[in-house]
Amino acid sequence: MLLRLMKYSLYVNYQPDPMMYIADTLSRAYVESEHESDDIEVDTNMRIHSLVTNLPMFNQRKQKVQCATAEDETMVKLSQTIAGG
């Protein structure tokens, strides 16, 4: 959701409760949706994947991280633990 909002310039202004007619009405007419959070999560994951794969020099940095991880004893143990369960 934050990624979606980044393209907007937001201005937040506090309004006391008596001035919040629409928000109060909308909060009372709440409709529960089970699929909305799944859609947002899928959309967020797709955007993150797109950003990461389109970053310049991503493959070179990935190789550097993989080499550094292979040389670090703690990271090797962590990788083995994660892979082994």
N, C-alpha and C. Protein backbone atom coordinates (compact mmCIF):
# COMPACT_ATOMS: atom_id res chain seq x y z
N MET A 1 0.82 -1.18 0.00
CA MET A 1 0.00 0.00 0.00
C MET A 1 0.87 1.26 0.00
N LEU A 2 1.97 1.22 0.74
CA LEU A 2 2.85 2.38 0.76
C LEU A 2 3.44 2.65 -0.62
N LEU A 3 3.72 1.59 -1.37
CA LEU A 3 4.25 1.79 -2.73
C LEU A 3 3.22 2.49 -3.61
N ARG A 4 1.96 2.16 -3.44
CA ARG A 4 0.92 2.80 -4.22
C ARG A 4 0.79 4.28 -3.86
N LEU A 5 0.98 4.59 -2.58
CA LEU A 5 0.82 5.97 -2.13
C LEU A 5 2.01 6.85 -2.43
N MET A 6 3.16 6.26 -2.77
CA MET A 6 4.37 7.04 -3.01
C MET A 6 4.22 8.02 -4.17
N LYS A 7 3.34 7.72 -5.12
CA LYS A 7 3.20 8.61 -6.28
C LYS A 7 2.37 9.86 -5.96
N TYR A 8 1.77 9.91 -4.77
CA TYR A 8 0.96 11.06 -4.38
C TYR A 8 1.68 11.92 -3.36
N SER A 9 1.40 13.19 -3.41
CA SER A 9 1.89 14.11 -2.39
C SER A 9 0.74 14.32 -1.40
N LEU A 10 0.86 13.77 -0.22
CA LEU A 10 -0.23 13.79 0.74
C LEU A 10 -0.09 14.94 1.73
N TYR A 11 -1.21 15.50 2.09
CA TYR A 11 -1.28 16.50 3.15
C TYR A 11 -2.27 15.99 4.18
N VAL A 12 -1.83 15.79 5.40
CA VAL A 12 -2.67 15.24 6.45
C VAL A 12 -3.02 16.36 7.42
N ASN A 13 -4.31 16.50 7.67
CA ASN A 13 -4.79 17.54 8.57
C ASN A 13 -5.72 16.90 9.59
N TYR A 14 -5.49 17.15 10.87
CA TYR A 14 -6.33 16.59 11.93
C TYR A 14 -7.68 17.29 11.96
N GLN A 15 -8.74 16.50 12.02
CA GLN A 15 -10.08 17.02 12.18
C GLN A 15 -10.69 16.39 13.43
N PRO A 16 -11.23 17.18 14.34
CA PRO A 16 -11.85 16.59 15.53
C PRO A 16 -13.09 15.77 15.15
N ASP A 17 -13.49 14.89 16.04
CA ASP A 17 -14.61 13.97 15.78
C ASP A 17 -15.89 14.63 15.27
N PRO A 18 -16.34 15.74 15.84
CA PRO A 18 -17.60 16.33 15.36
C PRO A 18 -17.56 16.77 13.89
N MET A 19 -16.37 16.95 13.33
CA MET A 19 -16.24 17.41 11.95
C MET A 19 -16.07 16.25 10.97
N MET A 20 -16.04 15.01 11.46
CA MET A 20 -15.75 13.84 10.63
C MET A 20 -17.03 13.09 10.26
N TYR A 21 -17.94 13.72 9.55
CA TYR A 21 -19.22 13.11 9.21
C TYR A 21 -19.05 11.91 8.28
N ILE A 22 -18.30 12.09 7.22
CA ILE A 22 -18.16 11.03 6.22
C ILE A 22 -17.39 9.85 6.79
N ALA A 23 -16.31 10.11 7.48
CA ALA A 23 -15.52 9.01 8.05
C ALA A 23 -16.35 8.21 9.04
N ASP A 24 -17.16 8.88 9.85
CA ASP A 24 -18.00 8.19 10.82
C ASP A 24 -19.02 7.32 10.11
N THR A 25 -19.64 7.85 9.06
CA THR A 25 -20.62 7.08 8.30
C THR A 25 -19.97 5.87 7.63
N LEU A 26 -18.81 6.06 7.03
CA LEU A 26 -18.13 4.96 6.36
C LEU A 26 -17.67 3.90 7.36
N SER A 27 -17.24 4.30 8.54
CA SER A 27 -16.79 3.32 9.52
C SER A 27 -17.95 2.48 10.02
N ARG A 28 -19.15 3.02 10.02
CA ARG A 28 -20.32 2.25 10.46
C ARG A 28 -20.82 1.32 9.36
N ALA A 29 -20.50 1.61 8.11
CA ALA A 29 -20.95 0.80 6.98
C ALA A 29 -19.85 -0.12 6.48
N TYR A 30 -19.02 -0.59 7.39
CA TYR A 30 -17.86 -1.41 7.04
C TYR A 30 -18.30 -2.76 6.48
N VAL A 31 -17.73 -3.15 5.34
CA VAL A 31 -17.99 -4.45 4.74
C VAL A 31 -16.71 -5.26 4.82
N GLU A 32 -16.80 -6.42 5.44
CA GLU A 32 -15.61 -7.24 5.61
C GLU A 32 -15.29 -7.98 4.31
N SER A 33 -14.05 -7.93 3.90
CA SER A 33 -13.62 -8.59 2.67
C SER A 33 -12.44 -9.49 2.98
N GLU A 34 -12.55 -10.75 2.61
CA GLU A 34 -11.48 -11.71 2.88
C GLU A 34 -10.38 -11.64 1.83
N HIS A 35 -10.73 -11.25 0.62
CA HIS A 35 -9.79 -11.33 -0.49
C HIS A 35 -8.97 -10.06 -0.69
N GLU A 36 -9.37 -8.98 -0.09
CA GLU A 36 -8.68 -7.71 -0.31
C GLU A 36 -7.23 -7.78 0.14
N SER A 37 -6.97 -8.33 1.31
CA SER A 37 -5.59 -8.39 1.80
C SER A 37 -4.73 -9.29 0.92
N ASP A 38 -5.32 -10.38 0.41
CA ASP A 38 -4.58 -11.26 -0.49
C ASP A 38 -4.21 -10.53 -1.78
N ASP A 39 -5.15 -9.75 -2.32
CA ASP A 39 -4.88 -9.01 -3.55
C ASP A 39 -3.78 -7.98 -3.33
N ILE A 40 -3.82 -7.30 -2.20
CA ILE A 40 -2.79 -6.30 -1.91
C ILE A 40 -1.44 -6.96 -1.74
N GLU A 41 -1.42 -8.10 -1.06
CA GLU A 41 -0.15 -8.81 -0.86
C GLU A 41 0.43 -9.29 -2.18
N VAL A 42 -0.41 -9.85 -3.04
CA VAL A 42 0.06 -10.31 -4.35
C VAL A 42 0.56 -9.13 -5.17
N ASP A 43 -0.19 -8.03 -5.16
CA ASP A 43 0.22 -6.84 -5.92
C ASP A 43 1.54 -6.29 -5.40
N THR A 44 1.69 -6.24 -4.09
CA THR A 44 2.94 -5.75 -3.49
C THR A 44 4.11 -6.64 -3.86
N ASN A 45 3.91 -7.95 -3.77
CA ASN A 45 4.98 -8.88 -4.13
C ASN A 45 5.37 -8.74 -5.60
N MET A 46 4.38 -8.54 -6.47
CA MET A 46 4.68 -8.37 -7.89
C MET A 46 5.47 -7.08 -8.12
N ARG A 47 5.10 -6.02 -7.44
CA ARG A 47 5.81 -4.74 -7.60
C ARG A 47 7.24 -4.84 -7.09
N ILE A 48 7.42 -5.48 -5.95
CA ILE A 48 8.77 -5.65 -5.40
C ILE A 48 9.62 -6.49 -6.34
N HIS A 49 9.06 -7.58 -6.84
CA HIS A 49 9.79 -8.43 -7.78
C HIS A 49 10.17 -7.64 -9.03
N SER A 50 9.24 -6.84 -9.53
CA SER A 50 9.52 -6.02 -10.72
C SER A 50 10.62 -5.01 -10.44
N LEU A 51 10.58 -4.37 -9.29
CA LEU A 51 11.61 -3.39 -8.94
C LEU A 51 12.98 -4.04 -8.82
N VAL A 52 13.03 -5.19 -8.16
CA VAL A 52 14.31 -5.85 -7.92
C VAL A 52 14.91 -6.36 -9.23
N THR A 53 14.10 -6.95 -10.08
CA THR A 53 14.63 -7.50 -11.33
C THR A 53 15.03 -6.42 -12.32
N ASN A 54 14.46 -5.23 -12.19
CA ASN A 54 14.79 -4.15 -13.12
C ASN A 54 15.82 -3.18 -12.57
N LEU A 55 16.37 -3.46 -11.41
CA LEU A 55 17.40 -2.59 -10.87
C LEU A 55 18.67 -2.70 -11.71
N PRO A 56 19.33 -1.57 -11.95
CA PRO A 56 20.58 -1.65 -12.70
C PRO A 56 21.64 -2.39 -11.88
N MET A 57 22.42 -3.20 -12.58
CA MET A 57 23.52 -3.96 -11.99
C MET A 57 23.05 -4.95 -10.93
N PHE A 58 21.81 -5.39 -11.01
CA PHE A 58 21.29 -6.33 -10.02
C PHE A 58 22.08 -7.63 -10.02
N ASN A 59 22.38 -8.17 -11.21
CA ASN A 59 23.08 -9.45 -11.29
C ASN A 59 24.48 -9.38 -10.70
N GLN A 60 25.19 -8.27 -10.95
CA GLN A 60 26.54 -8.13 -10.41
C GLN A 60 26.50 -8.04 -8.88
N ARG A 61 25.57 -7.29 -8.35
CA ARG A 61 25.46 -7.18 -6.90
C ARG A 61 25.04 -8.51 -6.29
N LYS A 62 24.17 -9.21 -6.98
CA LYS A 62 23.72 -10.51 -6.49
C LYS A 62 24.91 -11.47 -6.41
N GLN A 63 25.76 -11.45 -7.41
CA GLN A 63 26.95 -12.31 -7.40
C GLN A 63 27.88 -11.94 -6.26
N LYS A 64 28.06 -10.64 -6.01
CA LYS A 64 28.91 -10.20 -4.90
C LYS A 64 28.36 -10.68 -3.56
N VAL A 65 27.05 -10.55 -3.40
CA VAL A 65 26.43 -11.00 -2.15
C VAL A 65 26.56 -12.50 -2.00
N GLN A 66 26.37 -13.25 -3.08
CA GLN A 66 26.51 -14.70 -3.02
C GLN A 66 27.93 -15.11 -2.67
N CYS A 67 28.91 -14.44 -3.25
CA CYS A 67 30.32 -14.75 -2.94
C CYS A 67 30.64 -14.42 -1.49
N ALA A 68 30.19 -13.26 -1.04
CA ALA A 68 30.44 -12.86 0.35
C ALA A 68 29.74 -13.80 1.32
N THR A 69 28.56 -14.25 0.96
CA THR A 69 27.83 -15.19 1.81
C THR A 69 28.55 -16.52 1.87
N ALA A 70 29.07 -16.98 0.74
CA ALA A 70 29.79 -18.26 0.70
C ALA A 70 31.08 -18.21 1.52
N GLU A 71 31.68 -17.04 1.64
CA GLU A 71 32.92 -16.90 2.40
C GLU A 71 32.69 -16.68 3.90
N ASP A 72 31.50 -16.25 4.28
CA ASP A 72 31.19 -15.97 5.68
C ASP A 72 30.69 -17.23 6.37
N GLU A 73 31.39 -17.65 7.41
CA GLU A 73 31.07 -18.90 8.11
C GLU A 73 29.67 -18.87 8.72
N THR A 74 29.31 -17.76 9.31
CA THR A 74 27.99 -17.65 9.94
C THR A 74 26.88 -17.73 8.90
N MET A 75 27.07 -17.07 7.78
CA MET A 75 26.05 -17.10 6.73
C MET A 75 25.92 -18.48 6.10
N VAL A 76 27.04 -19.20 6.00
CA VAL A 76 26.99 -20.57 5.46
C VAL A 76 26.16 -21.44 6.39
N LYS A 77 26.40 -21.34 7.70
CA LYS A 77 25.63 -22.13 8.67
C LYS A 77 24.15 -21.75 8.62
N LEU A 78 23.88 -20.46 8.51
CA LEU A 78 22.50 -19.99 8.44
C LEU A 78 21.81 -20.54 7.18
N SER A 79 22.50 -20.48 6.05
CA SER A 79 21.94 -21.01 4.80
C SER A 79 21.65 -22.49 4.90
N GLN A 80 22.57 -23.24 5.52
CA GLN A 80 22.37 -24.68 5.70
C GLN A 80 21.18 -24.95 6.62
N THR A 81 21.06 -24.17 7.67
CA THR A 81 19.94 -24.35 8.60
C THR A 81 18.61 -24.06 7.92
N ILE A 82 18.57 -23.00 7.13
CA ILE A 82 17.34 -22.65 6.42
C ILE A 82 17.00 -23.72 5.40
N ALA A 83 17.98 -24.18 4.65
CA ALA A 83 17.73 -25.20 3.62
C ALA A 83 17.34 -26.54 4.25
N GLY A 84 17.97 -26.87 5.37
CA GLY A 84 17.70 -28.15 6.02
C GLY A 84 16.45 -28.17 6.88
N GLY A 85 16.02 -27.02 7.30
CA GLY A 85 14.81 -26.94 8.11
C GLY A 85 15.03 -26.93 9.57
